[in-house]
Amino acid sequence: MAFSHTISIRSSRFWHAPASALVLWVCLWLNLNTGFWNIQSPNNASDWRNLICALFPFAVIPAAGLLLLRRGNLHLPGNSPSRLLMVYGCFATLAAFFSPDPMASLYWSMAFLATILAAWTFFDRRDPVDSARQLLQVTWAATFIVAAIIGYQARNSVFGEAASSYGVITELNGLSRSSGVARWAAVPELVCIVRAYHTRRPSLIAFFLGVASVSFFIVYRMQSRGAVFGSAAALLFAMLVSSRMRRYAIPFATVAIVVLVLLDSPAVLSNHIATYLERGQTREEFLSMTGRTRAYQEGLAAIQDAPLFGRGQWADRLIIHEHVHNSYLQALLNGGIIGAIPYFASWVAGWMLFFRLQKRRARLSPEDRVCLLEAGTVMMFFTVRAIPETTTASFAVDLLVMVAVYVYLESLTIHMKARRLRFAIQPLSAVPSWMNESKTSERIGA
């Protein structure tokens, strides 16, 4: 008797994730461009909108907690990255009492914990993989929508004739820095490239390549070195992992490089690349990573004041009065050594889950193979970005994206283990009972 080895069960249902989980997830996305400073008496419609969005974490935590209590044990994998992030978040929450501004720190702790709790509500017992996959797809769609809005708002800088779009914050009225704009565009760029190489419908290929091209152009124009190097590392990773992308992307990249060499000499190309990366900065500014080395030094000094427990969320802004620009330093500032250990382990656990699933990708459905590659590609981008920026150490879009990736990897791992157990038992249970009774009576008679 032959048994299917794919772990995704198809059905006629279009939407598998619980509607309550989607509502909570949307609330956190609406909270992104607000903060505790918006919790004040409103004077106009904009103030009312910001106030309501700023209060969402206070509603999401109890709502998600009740939903999770009703469903019982989540049965997360032993090396669950989202659980490790939750442990880190709890330590950072306790450390908020040592913060220069405990109320502000506690607010961001609540937003951090609410993100993980809301993502856990997507663990639907009827369709665990389908539900978590839809969490991933909703997250991709959200980044695409925001990137499109940003691209439209900054169209004069991004698509204009200016030599550079670096410093686009002036165009967006404080919505995001150039690194933030590039981050928003990089996620749909990477996802659409993976999708384009794994679909056979010409219309979809054209759509995905079109979106990827526009997104790539935004990343290029923003001149955020972290986003550029992160995108390059993520694309290289996708080509190394996916045989289909190696087959098509590497020849295309080779032809593109040959064309560039024919158009300009290596010396001219090298000069163009250096000019692009320098962004008009002096040698001192370039070597200091646009002031990041100063932030690193001040951050390390601040860590020594509270090395074990940290100073709670937003410790870098409240203590050194600037963004520390490194995920691991921020985790040490927020949760101390005790909190940073599970934070560091969350990255390791996430990659362990990915490579274990990638090793067994033949047992996945075709759709989950593509989603797994998308998750790994985006995770590589944020792994590189975690060095010059902060990723998953505090509440931001980076955390929303990475928690969605982690929950999807965890759901695949859980379901694959369950299927493996069923396959181990199924051959025995598939034997009719009368055959077992007959063989037993023969042994007794012998």
Protein backbone atom coordinates (compact mmCIF):
# COMPACT_ATOMS: atom_id res chain seq x y z
CA MET A 1 0.00 0.00 0.00
CA ALA A 2 1.45 3.39 -0.99
CA PHE A 3 1.18 6.36 1.29
CA SER A 4 1.47 10.06 0.40
CA HIS A 5 4.51 11.86 1.78
CA THR A 6 3.26 15.43 1.38
CA ILE A 7 2.28 17.09 4.61
CA SER A 8 -0.16 19.70 3.32
CA ILE A 9 -3.73 18.45 3.04
CA ARG A 10 -5.65 20.27 0.34
CA SER A 11 -9.27 21.23 0.78
CA SER A 12 -11.89 23.40 -0.88
CA ARG A 13 -11.64 26.05 1.83
CA PHE A 14 -10.09 29.31 0.69
CA TRP A 15 -9.25 30.68 4.14
CA HIS A 16 -7.87 28.35 6.82
CA ALA A 17 -6.54 30.71 9.49
CA PRO A 18 -8.89 31.75 12.33
CA ALA A 19 -10.52 35.12 11.63
CA SER A 20 -9.75 36.26 15.18
CA ALA A 21 -6.03 35.68 14.56
CA LEU A 22 -6.13 37.80 11.42
CA VAL A 23 -7.87 40.66 13.26
CA LEU A 24 -5.22 40.66 16.00
CA TRP A 25 -2.42 40.57 13.43
CA VAL A 26 -3.87 43.52 11.51
CA CYS A 27 -4.17 45.50 14.77
CA LEU A 28 -0.43 45.13 15.37
CA TRP A 29 0.39 46.23 11.84
CA LEU A 30 -1.75 49.33 12.34
CA ASN A 31 0.20 50.03 15.53
CA LEU A 32 3.55 50.27 13.67
CA ASN A 33 3.78 54.02 13.13
CA THR A 34 2.42 54.99 16.53
CA GLY A 35 3.76 54.82 20.09
CA PHE A 36 3.13 55.59 23.74
CA TRP A 37 3.42 59.32 22.97
CA ASN A 38 0.10 59.07 21.13
CA ILE A 39 -1.71 58.08 24.32
CA GLN A 40 -3.00 61.54 25.17
CA SER A 41 -6.13 63.64 24.74
CA PRO A 42 -6.92 63.81 21.01
CA ASN A 43 -7.60 67.12 19.29
CA ASN A 44 -8.54 66.00 15.79
CA ALA A 45 -9.32 62.94 13.67
CA SER A 46 -5.62 62.15 13.14
CA ASP A 47 -5.01 62.19 16.91
CA TRP A 48 -7.98 59.88 17.43
CA ARG A 49 -6.62 57.43 14.83
CA ASN A 50 -3.14 57.44 16.39
CA LEU A 51 -4.59 57.04 19.88
CA ILE A 52 -6.69 54.03 18.89
CA CYS A 53 -3.77 52.39 17.08
CA ALA A 54 -1.45 53.07 20.02
CA LEU A 55 -3.87 51.28 22.36
CA PHE A 56 -4.02 48.10 20.25
CA PRO A 57 -1.31 46.21 22.24
CA PHE A 58 -3.46 46.62 25.38
CA ALA A 59 -6.30 44.87 23.56
CA VAL A 60 -4.28 42.26 21.67
CA ILE A 61 -2.55 40.73 24.71
CA PRO A 62 -5.71 39.75 26.66
CA ALA A 63 -7.57 38.74 23.50
CA ALA A 64 -4.72 36.54 22.28
CA GLY A 65 -4.23 35.13 25.78
CA LEU A 66 -7.88 34.06 26.02
CA LEU A 67 -7.80 32.45 22.57
CA LEU A 68 -4.65 30.52 23.44
CA LEU A 69 -6.10 29.37 26.78
CA ARG A 70 -9.18 28.03 25.00
CA ARG A 71 -7.05 26.03 22.55
CA GLY A 72 -4.78 24.51 25.18
CA ASN A 73 -1.17 23.47 24.72
CA LEU A 74 0.52 24.72 21.54
CA HIS A 75 2.98 21.80 21.47
CA LEU A 76 5.77 24.01 20.09
CA PRO A 77 9.01 22.31 18.99
CA GLY A 78 11.67 21.96 21.66
CA ASN A 79 13.92 24.50 19.94
CA SER A 80 11.10 26.90 19.08
CA PRO A 81 12.54 30.31 18.07
CA SER A 82 9.28 32.11 18.87
CA ARG A 83 9.26 30.64 22.38
CA LEU A 84 12.86 31.77 22.87
CA LEU A 85 11.87 35.26 21.73
CA MET A 86 9.02 35.17 24.25
CA VAL A 87 11.47 34.27 27.04
CA TYR A 88 13.71 37.17 25.98
CA GLY A 89 10.68 39.47 25.86
CA CYS A 90 9.66 38.48 29.39
CA PHE A 91 13.14 39.24 30.74
CA ALA A 92 13.13 42.60 28.94
CA THR A 93 9.71 43.32 30.46
CA LEU A 94 10.99 42.67 33.97
CA ALA A 95 14.04 44.82 33.23
CA ALA A 96 11.71 47.73 32.40
CA PHE A 97 11.50 48.50 36.12
CA PHE A 98 15.17 49.52 35.92
CA SER A 99 14.58 51.71 32.87
CA PRO A 100 15.03 55.49 32.94
CA ASP A 101 11.41 55.63 31.70
CA PRO A 102 9.60 52.49 32.95
CA MET A 103 6.24 53.39 31.38
CA ALA A 104 7.72 53.82 27.89
CA SER A 105 9.74 50.63 28.24
CA LEU A 106 6.70 48.66 29.45
CA TYR A 107 4.65 49.93 26.52
CA TRP A 108 7.15 48.57 23.99
CA SER A 109 7.42 45.35 25.99
CA MET A 110 3.68 44.90 25.66
CA ALA A 111 3.85 45.49 21.90
CA PHE A 112 6.69 42.95 21.67
CA LEU A 113 4.86 40.25 23.64
CA ALA A 114 1.59 40.96 21.83
CA THR A 115 3.28 40.19 18.49
CA ILE A 116 4.29 36.70 19.55
CA LEU A 117 0.97 35.93 21.24
CA ALA A 118 -0.99 37.09 18.19
CA ALA A 119 1.16 34.95 15.89
CA TRP A 120 0.59 31.91 18.10
CA THR A 121 -3.17 32.24 17.60
CA PHE A 122 -2.56 31.13 13.98
CA PHE A 123 -1.72 27.64 15.25
CA ASP A 124 -5.08 26.24 14.18
CA ARG A 125 -5.54 22.59 15.14
CA ARG A 126 -7.61 21.72 12.07
CA ASP A 127 -5.25 23.20 9.48
CA PRO A 128 -1.98 24.07 11.28
CA VAL A 129 0.22 24.31 8.19
CA ASP A 130 -2.38 26.05 6.01
CA SER A 131 -3.15 28.55 8.77
CA ALA A 132 0.52 29.40 9.41
CA ARG A 133 1.15 29.61 5.66
CA GLN A 134 -1.60 32.19 5.38
CA LEU A 135 -0.01 34.14 8.24
CA LEU A 136 3.15 34.23 6.12
CA GLN A 137 1.27 35.28 2.99
CA VAL A 138 -0.66 38.01 4.81
CA THR A 139 2.65 39.33 6.10
CA TRP A 140 4.13 39.36 2.57
CA ALA A 141 1.04 41.19 1.33
CA ALA A 142 1.29 43.77 4.13
CA THR A 143 4.92 44.57 3.29
CA PHE A 144 3.96 44.86 -0.38
CA ILE A 145 1.12 47.29 0.38
CA VAL A 146 3.25 49.47 2.67
CA ALA A 147 6.15 49.43 0.17
CA ALA A 148 3.74 50.57 -2.55
CA ILE A 149 2.45 53.40 -0.36
CA ILE A 150 5.99 54.49 0.50
CA GLY A 151 7.04 54.28 -3.14
CA TYR A 152 4.13 56.51 -4.11
CA GLN A 153 4.73 59.03 -1.33
CA ALA A 154 8.46 59.23 -2.11
CA ARG A 155 8.05 59.03 -5.87
CA ASN A 156 9.76 62.37 -6.46
CA SER A 157 12.89 61.18 -4.69
CA VAL A 158 12.84 57.54 -5.73
CA PHE A 159 11.87 57.94 -9.38
CA GLY A 160 13.03 61.50 -9.94
CA GLU A 161 16.27 62.80 -11.37
CA ALA A 162 18.02 63.37 -8.05
CA ALA A 163 21.44 61.76 -7.80
CA SER A 164 20.42 59.86 -4.66
CA SER A 165 17.32 59.07 -2.62
CA TYR A 166 19.32 58.71 0.57
CA GLY A 167 17.70 60.78 3.30
CA VAL A 168 14.20 60.18 1.99
CA ILE A 169 12.87 60.89 5.49
CA THR A 170 12.33 64.49 4.37
CA GLU A 171 9.91 63.25 1.73
CA LEU A 172 7.99 60.96 4.05
CA ASN A 173 7.43 63.35 6.94
CA GLY A 174 9.23 61.12 9.40
CA LEU A 175 7.64 57.84 8.30
CA SER A 176 10.95 56.04 7.90
CA ARG A 177 14.64 56.47 7.32
CA SER A 178 16.23 55.27 4.10
CA SER A 179 17.19 51.96 5.71
CA GLY A 180 13.57 51.51 6.77
CA VAL A 181 12.23 52.30 3.31
CA ALA A 182 14.69 49.84 1.77
CA ARG A 183 13.63 47.18 4.26
CA TRP A 184 9.98 47.56 3.27
CA ALA A 185 10.87 47.17 -0.42
CA ALA A 186 13.36 44.33 0.07
CA VAL A 187 10.83 41.82 1.44
CA PRO A 188 8.42 41.90 -1.56
CA GLU A 189 11.44 42.00 -3.87
CA LEU A 190 12.85 38.75 -2.47
CA VAL A 191 9.47 37.01 -2.23
CA CYS A 192 8.50 37.95 -5.81
CA ILE A 193 11.83 36.77 -7.23
CA VAL A 194 11.39 33.39 -5.56
CA ARG A 195 7.79 33.20 -6.79
CA ALA A 196 8.77 34.16 -10.34
CA TYR A 197 11.22 31.27 -10.53
CA HIS A 198 8.70 28.77 -9.18
CA THR A 199 5.63 29.44 -11.30
CA ARG A 200 4.93 28.48 -14.90
CA ARG A 201 2.12 30.91 -15.69
CA PRO A 202 3.46 33.71 -17.93
CA SER A 203 1.09 36.30 -16.47
CA LEU A 204 2.25 35.57 -12.92
CA ILE A 205 5.90 35.52 -13.98
CA ALA A 206 5.48 38.96 -15.55
CA PHE A 207 3.69 40.28 -12.44
CA PHE A 208 6.25 38.95 -9.97
CA LEU A 209 9.21 40.14 -12.02
CA GLY A 210 7.58 43.57 -12.40
CA VAL A 211 7.05 43.95 -8.65
CA ALA A 212 10.56 42.64 -7.96
CA SER A 213 12.09 45.11 -10.42
CA VAL A 214 10.34 48.13 -8.89
CA SER A 215 11.20 46.95 -5.38
CA PHE A 216 14.82 46.36 -6.35
CA PHE A 217 15.00 49.85 -7.83
CA ILE A 218 13.70 51.34 -4.56
CA VAL A 219 16.30 49.39 -2.57
CA TYR A 220 19.00 50.55 -4.98
CA ARG A 221 17.93 54.20 -4.82
CA MET A 222 17.72 54.24 -1.03
CA GLN A 223 21.46 53.42 -0.86
CA SER A 224 21.01 51.64 2.46
CA ARG A 225 24.12 49.48 2.63
CA GLY A 226 22.53 47.07 5.09
CA ALA A 227 19.56 46.49 2.79
CA VAL A 228 21.75 46.20 -0.32
CA PHE A 229 24.13 43.66 1.21
CA GLY A 230 21.23 41.88 2.91
CA SER A 231 19.38 41.55 -0.40
CA ALA A 232 22.51 40.31 -2.18
CA ALA A 233 23.15 37.72 0.55
CA ALA A 234 19.51 36.60 0.49
CA LEU A 235 19.47 36.16 -3.30
CA LEU A 236 22.75 34.25 -3.21
CA PHE A 237 21.32 32.05 -0.45
CA ALA A 238 18.16 31.36 -2.48
CA MET A 239 20.24 30.36 -5.50
CA LEU A 240 22.39 28.01 -3.43
CA VAL A 241 19.40 26.36 -1.76
CA SER A 242 17.02 26.13 -4.74
CA SER A 243 18.11 23.96 -7.65
CA ARG A 244 15.53 25.65 -9.88
CA MET A 245 16.95 29.10 -9.15
CA ARG A 246 20.50 27.85 -9.68
CA ARG A 247 19.46 26.53 -13.06
CA TYR A 248 18.07 29.85 -14.30
CA ALA A 249 19.40 32.64 -12.12
CA ILE A 250 23.12 31.88 -12.27
CA PRO A 251 23.29 31.98 -16.11
CA PHE A 252 21.24 35.19 -16.06
CA ALA A 253 23.58 36.76 -13.47
CA THR A 254 26.60 35.67 -15.52
CA VAL A 255 25.22 37.30 -18.66
CA ALA A 256 24.40 40.49 -16.73
CA ILE A 257 27.95 40.70 -15.36
CA VAL A 258 29.44 40.16 -18.83
CA VAL A 259 27.24 42.93 -20.24
CA LEU A 260 28.31 45.32 -17.49
CA VAL A 261 31.97 44.54 -18.10
CA LEU A 262 31.52 45.16 -21.82
CA LEU A 263 29.79 48.49 -21.21
CA ASP A 264 32.44 49.83 -18.81
CA SER A 265 35.95 48.86 -17.85
CA PRO A 266 36.52 47.16 -14.47
CA ALA A 267 38.18 50.34 -13.20
CA VAL A 268 35.16 52.47 -14.09
CA LEU A 269 32.77 49.93 -12.56
CA SER A 270 34.85 49.82 -9.40
CA ASN A 271 34.72 53.60 -9.17
CA HIS A 272 30.93 53.60 -9.65
CA ILE A 273 30.50 50.98 -6.92
CA ALA A 274 32.75 52.88 -4.52
CA THR A 275 30.86 56.13 -5.17
CA TYR A 276 27.54 54.38 -4.61
CA LEU A 277 28.62 52.83 -1.31
CA GLU A 278 30.30 55.98 0.00
CA ARG A 279 27.15 58.09 -0.54
CA GLY A 280 29.24 61.26 -0.63
CA GLN A 281 30.61 60.65 2.87
CA THR A 282 34.10 61.47 4.03
CA ARG A 283 36.52 58.65 4.77
CA GLU A 284 35.95 59.09 8.50
CA GLU A 285 32.18 58.93 8.13
CA PHE A 286 32.43 55.84 5.95
CA LEU A 287 34.79 54.00 8.31
CA SER A 288 32.58 54.90 11.28
CA MET A 289 29.61 53.26 9.48
CA THR A 290 27.74 56.59 9.54
CA GLY A 291 28.30 57.00 13.26
CA ARG A 292 27.49 53.42 14.19
CA THR A 293 30.89 52.77 15.78
CA ARG A 294 30.17 55.61 18.23
CA ALA A 295 26.78 54.08 19.03
CA TYR A 296 28.45 50.69 19.54
CA GLN A 297 30.96 52.14 21.99
CA GLU A 298 28.29 53.97 23.96
CA GLY A 299 26.08 50.90 23.91
CA LEU A 300 28.85 48.67 25.26
CA ALA A 301 29.53 51.19 28.01
CA ALA A 302 25.81 51.28 28.92
CA ILE A 303 25.68 47.48 29.08
CA GLN A 304 28.34 47.51 31.81
CA ASP A 305 25.98 49.48 34.07
CA ALA A 306 23.38 46.68 34.04
CA PRO A 307 25.08 43.61 32.54
CA LEU A 308 22.84 40.86 33.92
CA PHE A 309 19.26 42.15 33.65
CA GLY A 310 19.44 45.12 31.27
CA ARG A 311 17.27 48.24 31.31
CA GLY A 312 14.16 47.14 29.40
CA GLN A 313 12.86 47.83 25.90
CA TRP A 314 14.04 51.02 24.18
CA ALA A 315 17.08 51.15 26.46
CA ASP A 316 19.27 52.48 23.64
CA ARG A 317 17.03 55.50 22.99
CA LEU A 318 16.52 56.18 26.69
CA ILE A 319 20.16 55.76 27.81
CA ILE A 320 22.49 56.58 24.91
CA HIS A 321 19.77 58.69 23.22
CA GLU A 322 20.18 57.11 19.79
CA HIS A 323 19.54 53.91 17.88
CA VAL A 324 22.29 51.41 18.76
CA HIS A 325 22.11 49.93 15.22
CA ASN A 326 22.84 46.32 16.19
CA SER A 327 20.34 43.64 17.19
CA TYR A 328 22.63 41.84 19.61
CA LEU A 329 23.73 45.00 21.40
CA GLN A 330 20.11 46.06 21.67
CA ALA A 331 19.15 42.69 23.15
CA LEU A 332 21.95 43.06 25.74
CA LEU A 333 20.80 46.58 26.57
CA ASN A 334 17.15 45.52 26.82
CA GLY A 335 17.41 42.21 28.66
CA GLY A 336 21.00 41.95 29.85
CA ILE A 337 23.03 38.78 29.52
CA ILE A 338 20.18 36.68 30.96
CA GLY A 339 17.74 37.94 28.36
CA ALA A 340 20.21 38.06 25.48
CA ILE A 341 21.01 34.32 25.73
CA PRO A 342 17.53 33.19 24.59
CA TYR A 343 17.55 36.02 22.02
CA PHE A 344 20.79 34.78 20.46
CA ALA A 345 19.44 31.22 20.62
CA SER A 346 16.29 32.24 18.70
CA TRP A 347 18.36 32.97 15.59
CA VAL A 348 20.19 29.64 15.86
CA ALA A 349 16.93 27.76 16.45
CA GLY A 350 15.28 29.43 13.45
CA TRP A 351 18.06 28.36 11.13
CA MET A 352 18.11 24.85 12.59
CA LEU A 353 14.40 24.47 11.84
CA PHE A 354 14.86 25.76 8.32
CA PHE A 355 17.69 23.41 7.38
CA ARG A 356 15.94 20.40 8.93
CA LEU A 357 12.85 21.16 6.88
CA GLN A 358 14.89 21.88 3.77
CA LYS A 359 16.57 18.50 4.15
CA ARG A 360 13.12 16.85 4.07
CA ARG A 361 11.55 19.18 1.50
CA ALA A 362 10.64 16.22 -0.74
CA ARG A 363 7.90 15.40 1.78
CA LEU A 364 6.42 18.89 1.53
CA SER A 365 3.70 19.96 -0.85
CA PRO A 366 4.87 22.06 -3.84
CA GLU A 367 3.34 25.18 -2.29
CA ASP A 368 5.12 24.64 1.01
CA ARG A 369 8.43 24.09 -0.75
CA VAL A 370 8.14 27.56 -2.26
CA CYS A 371 6.96 29.11 1.03
CA LEU A 372 9.84 27.45 2.87
CA LEU A 373 12.33 28.95 0.41
CA GLU A 374 10.67 32.36 0.76
CA ALA A 375 10.89 32.11 4.56
CA GLY A 376 14.57 31.17 4.43
CA THR A 377 15.39 33.90 1.91
CA VAL A 378 13.71 36.61 4.00
CA MET A 379 15.32 35.23 7.15
CA MET A 380 18.75 35.53 5.51
CA PHE A 381 18.01 39.16 4.65
CA PHE A 382 17.14 39.97 8.26
CA THR A 383 20.07 37.93 9.57
CA VAL A 384 22.45 40.20 7.65
CA ARG A 385 20.40 43.29 8.53
CA ALA A 386 20.64 42.40 12.23
CA ILE A 387 24.29 43.54 12.19
CA PRO A 388 23.92 47.20 11.09
CA GLU A 389 20.29 47.57 12.27
CA THR A 390 18.02 46.03 14.91
CA THR A 391 15.90 43.02 14.06
CA THR A 392 13.52 41.14 16.39
CA ALA A 393 15.10 42.68 19.52
CA SER A 394 12.32 45.30 19.77
CA PHE A 395 8.87 45.83 18.31
CA ALA A 396 9.05 46.85 14.65
CA VAL A 397 8.10 45.50 11.26
CA ASP A 398 11.22 43.30 11.42
CA LEU A 399 9.73 41.52 14.42
CA LEU A 400 6.34 41.08 12.72
CA VAL A 401 7.96 39.55 9.64
CA MET A 402 10.37 37.29 11.50
CA VAL A 403 7.78 36.01 13.98
CA ALA A 404 5.57 35.06 11.02
CA VAL A 405 8.54 33.19 9.51
CA TYR A 406 9.24 31.42 12.81
CA VAL A 407 5.61 30.35 13.34
CA TYR A 408 5.45 28.97 9.81
CA LEU A 409 8.66 26.96 10.29
CA GLU A 410 7.37 25.70 13.64
CA SER A 411 4.03 24.61 12.18
CA LEU A 412 5.78 22.66 9.43
CA THR A 413 8.05 21.01 12.00
CA ILE A 414 5.15 20.07 14.28
CA HIS A 415 3.06 18.65 11.45
CA MET A 416 5.97 16.76 9.92
CA LYS A 417 6.67 15.06 13.26
CA ALA A 418 3.02 14.12 13.57
CA ARG A 419 2.98 12.68 10.04
CA ARG A 420 6.15 10.74 10.70
CA LEU A 421 4.55 9.15 13.76
CA ARG A 422 1.44 8.28 11.76
CA PHE A 423 3.54 6.70 9.01
CA ALA A 424 5.35 4.61 11.63
CA ILE A 425 2.03 3.31 13.01
CA GLN A 426 -0.08 3.19 9.85
CA PRO A 427 1.40 0.04 8.21
CA LEU A 428 0.48 -1.99 11.30
CA SER A 429 -3.01 -0.57 11.64
CA ALA A 430 -3.60 -1.02 7.92
CA VAL A 431 -3.45 -4.82 8.34
CA PRO A 432 -7.00 -6.18 8.81
CA SER A 433 -7.76 -7.42 12.31
CA TRP A 434 -8.84 -10.87 11.08
CA MET A 435 -5.33 -11.43 9.68
CA ASN A 436 -3.77 -10.62 13.05
CA GLU A 437 -6.23 -12.96 14.80
CA SER A 438 -5.53 -15.73 12.27
CA LYS A 439 -1.76 -15.44 12.73
CA THR A 440 -2.19 -15.43 16.50
CA SER A 441 -4.29 -18.60 16.46
CA GLU A 442 -1.73 -20.30 14.20
CA ARG A 443 1.05 -19.49 16.70
CA ILE A 444 -1.10 -20.81 19.56
CA GLY A 445 -1.96 -23.99 17.66
CA ALA A 446 1.73 -24.57 16.84
